[in-house]
Amino acid sequence: MPCAFWNKSGEPVTKVDNRVPSLIVQNEWDSQPPLVAAKGLRRALKGSSRRLVGCLR
């Protein structure tokens, strides 16, 4: 049964801050979450670093 039809409500929103530096590691070819999500997280967490992990073809 698709989750759109579940009769339970979702969890409360998780609030995240970055009182300490953050490192975001994202695989270039990962579909869940997509690369655009990692880029958005990087913008939201001021002072964080993002490293893109790709594979050689």
N, C-alpha and C. Protein backbone atom coordinates (compact mmCIF):
# COMPACT_ATOMS: atom_id res chain seq x y z
N MET A 1 0.84 -1.17 0.00
CA MET A 1 0.00 0.00 0.00
C MET A 1 0.90 1.25 0.00
N PRO A 2 0.70 2.16 -0.94
CA PRO A 2 1.52 3.38 -1.00
C PRO A 2 1.34 4.24 0.25
N CYS A 3 2.40 4.91 0.66
CA CYS A 3 2.33 5.71 1.88
C CYS A 3 1.32 6.85 1.80
N ALA A 4 0.92 7.26 0.60
CA ALA A 4 -0.08 8.31 0.49
C ALA A 4 -1.41 7.89 1.11
N PHE A 5 -1.61 6.58 1.26
CA PHE A 5 -2.88 6.07 1.78
C PHE A 5 -2.78 5.57 3.22
N TRP A 6 -1.63 5.73 3.86
CA TRP A 6 -1.49 5.32 5.25
C TRP A 6 -2.36 6.21 6.12
N ASN A 7 -2.89 5.64 7.18
CA ASN A 7 -3.76 6.42 8.05
C ASN A 7 -3.01 7.04 9.23
N LYS A 8 -1.70 6.99 9.24
CA LYS A 8 -0.91 7.60 10.31
C LYS A 8 -0.38 8.95 9.85
N SER A 9 -0.33 9.89 10.77
CA SER A 9 0.26 11.18 10.42
C SER A 9 1.78 11.07 10.43
N GLY A 10 2.44 12.00 9.79
CA GLY A 10 3.90 12.00 9.72
C GLY A 10 4.53 12.41 11.04
N GLU A 11 5.82 12.24 11.11
CA GLU A 11 6.57 12.66 12.29
C GLU A 11 6.71 14.18 12.29
N PRO A 12 6.94 14.78 13.45
CA PRO A 12 7.17 16.22 13.49
C PRO A 12 8.46 16.57 12.72
N VAL A 13 8.52 17.77 12.23
CA VAL A 13 9.69 18.23 11.49
C VAL A 13 10.91 18.23 12.41
N THR A 14 12.02 17.71 11.91
CA THR A 14 13.27 17.71 12.67
C THR A 14 13.97 19.04 12.42
N LYS A 15 14.26 19.77 13.47
CA LYS A 15 14.96 21.04 13.34
C LYS A 15 16.45 20.79 13.50
N VAL A 16 17.21 21.30 12.56
CA VAL A 16 18.65 21.09 12.55
C VAL A 16 19.35 22.44 12.60
N ASP A 17 20.37 22.55 13.41
CA ASP A 17 21.19 23.75 13.39
C ASP A 17 22.64 23.31 13.21
N ASN A 18 23.49 24.25 13.09
CA ASN A 18 24.91 23.88 12.93
C ASN A 18 25.77 24.71 13.86
N ARG A 19 25.59 24.42 15.13
CA ARG A 19 26.43 25.08 16.14
C ARG A 19 27.87 24.60 16.03
N VAL A 20 28.05 23.46 15.39
CA VAL A 20 29.39 22.94 15.11
C VAL A 20 29.49 22.76 13.60
N PRO A 21 30.70 22.83 13.02
CA PRO A 21 30.85 22.67 11.58
C PRO A 21 30.30 21.32 11.10
N SER A 22 29.73 21.32 9.92
CA SER A 22 29.14 20.11 9.34
C SER A 22 29.85 19.74 8.06
N LEU A 23 29.95 18.45 7.80
CA LEU A 23 30.49 17.94 6.54
C LEU A 23 29.39 17.13 5.88
N ILE A 24 29.02 17.51 4.67
CA ILE A 24 27.98 16.83 3.91
C ILE A 24 28.67 16.03 2.81
N VAL A 25 28.45 14.72 2.79
CA VAL A 25 29.04 13.86 1.77
C VAL A 25 27.91 13.34 0.90
N GLN A 26 28.01 13.54 -0.40
CA GLN A 26 26.95 13.15 -1.33
C GLN A 26 27.57 12.43 -2.52
N ASN A 27 26.96 11.33 -2.92
CA ASN A 27 27.38 10.62 -4.12
C ASN A 27 26.73 11.28 -5.33
N GLU A 28 27.50 11.54 -6.34
CA GLU A 28 26.99 12.23 -7.54
C GLU A 28 25.85 11.47 -8.21
N TRP A 29 25.85 10.16 -8.14
CA TRP A 29 24.85 9.35 -8.86
C TRP A 29 23.76 8.79 -7.96
N ASP A 30 23.69 9.24 -6.72
CA ASP A 30 22.66 8.77 -5.79
C ASP A 30 21.33 9.43 -6.14
N SER A 31 20.31 8.63 -6.34
CA SER A 31 19.01 9.20 -6.72
C SER A 31 18.18 9.59 -5.50
N GLN A 32 18.47 9.04 -4.34
CA GLN A 32 17.70 9.32 -3.12
C GLN A 32 18.66 9.60 -1.98
N PRO A 33 18.91 10.75 -1.55
CA PRO A 33 18.41 12.02 -2.05
C PRO A 33 19.22 12.48 -3.26
N PRO A 34 18.61 13.23 -4.15
CA PRO A 34 19.34 13.71 -5.32
C PRO A 34 20.38 14.77 -4.95
N LEU A 35 21.28 15.02 -5.86
CA LEU A 35 22.36 15.98 -5.64
C LEU A 35 21.83 17.37 -5.28
N VAL A 36 20.73 17.76 -5.87
CA VAL A 36 20.17 19.09 -5.59
C VAL A 36 19.81 19.22 -4.10
N ALA A 37 19.42 18.13 -3.45
CA ALA A 37 19.10 18.18 -2.02
C ALA A 37 20.35 18.46 -1.19
N ALA A 38 21.47 17.85 -1.56
CA ALA A 38 22.72 18.09 -0.84
C ALA A 38 23.17 19.54 -1.02
N LYS A 39 22.97 20.07 -2.21
CA LYS A 39 23.33 21.47 -2.46
C LYS A 39 22.47 22.40 -1.62
N GLY A 40 21.18 22.10 -1.50
CA GLY A 40 20.28 22.91 -0.67
C GLY A 40 20.64 22.83 0.80
N LEU A 41 21.00 21.63 1.26
CA LEU A 41 21.42 21.46 2.65
C LEU A 41 22.68 22.26 2.92
N ARG A 42 23.59 22.26 1.98
CA ARG A 42 24.85 23.03 2.12
C ARG A 42 24.56 24.51 2.28
N ARG A 43 23.61 25.03 1.50
CA ARG A 43 23.24 26.45 1.62
C ARG A 43 22.56 26.73 2.96
N ALA A 44 21.76 25.78 3.45
CA ALA A 44 21.02 25.99 4.69
C ALA A 44 21.92 25.95 5.92
N LEU A 45 22.96 25.12 5.89
CA LEU A 45 23.86 25.00 7.03
C LEU A 45 25.06 25.91 6.82
N LYS A 46 24.97 27.11 7.31
CA LYS A 46 26.04 28.09 7.14
C LYS A 46 27.35 27.57 7.73
N GLY A 47 28.42 27.74 7.00
CA GLY A 47 29.73 27.31 7.48
C GLY A 47 30.02 25.83 7.26
N SER A 48 29.12 25.12 6.56
CA SER A 48 29.34 23.69 6.33
C SER A 48 30.20 23.49 5.08
N SER A 49 30.71 22.29 4.93
CA SER A 49 31.48 21.92 3.75
C SER A 49 30.77 20.77 3.06
N ARG A 50 30.86 20.74 1.73
CA ARG A 50 30.24 19.65 0.97
C ARG A 50 31.31 19.01 0.11
N ARG A 51 31.35 17.70 0.10
CA ARG A 51 32.27 16.95 -0.74
C ARG A 51 31.46 16.05 -1.64
N LEU A 52 31.71 16.14 -2.92
CA LEU A 52 31.00 15.33 -3.90
C LEU A 52 31.81 14.08 -4.18
N VAL A 53 31.18 12.93 -4.05
CA VAL A 53 31.84 11.66 -4.31
C VAL A 53 31.27 11.11 -5.60
N GLY A 54 32.12 10.93 -6.60
CA GLY A 54 31.68 10.39 -7.88
C GLY A 54 32.45 9.14 -8.21
N CYS A 55 32.01 8.48 -9.24
CA CYS A 55 32.73 7.28 -9.66
C CYS A 55 33.34 7.53 -11.04
N LEU A 56 34.45 6.92 -11.29
CA LEU A 56 35.10 7.05 -12.59
C LEU A 56 34.47 6.07 -13.55
N ARG A 57 34.21 6.53 -14.73
CA ARG A 57 33.60 5.64 -15.74
C ARG A 57 34.62 5.28 -16.76
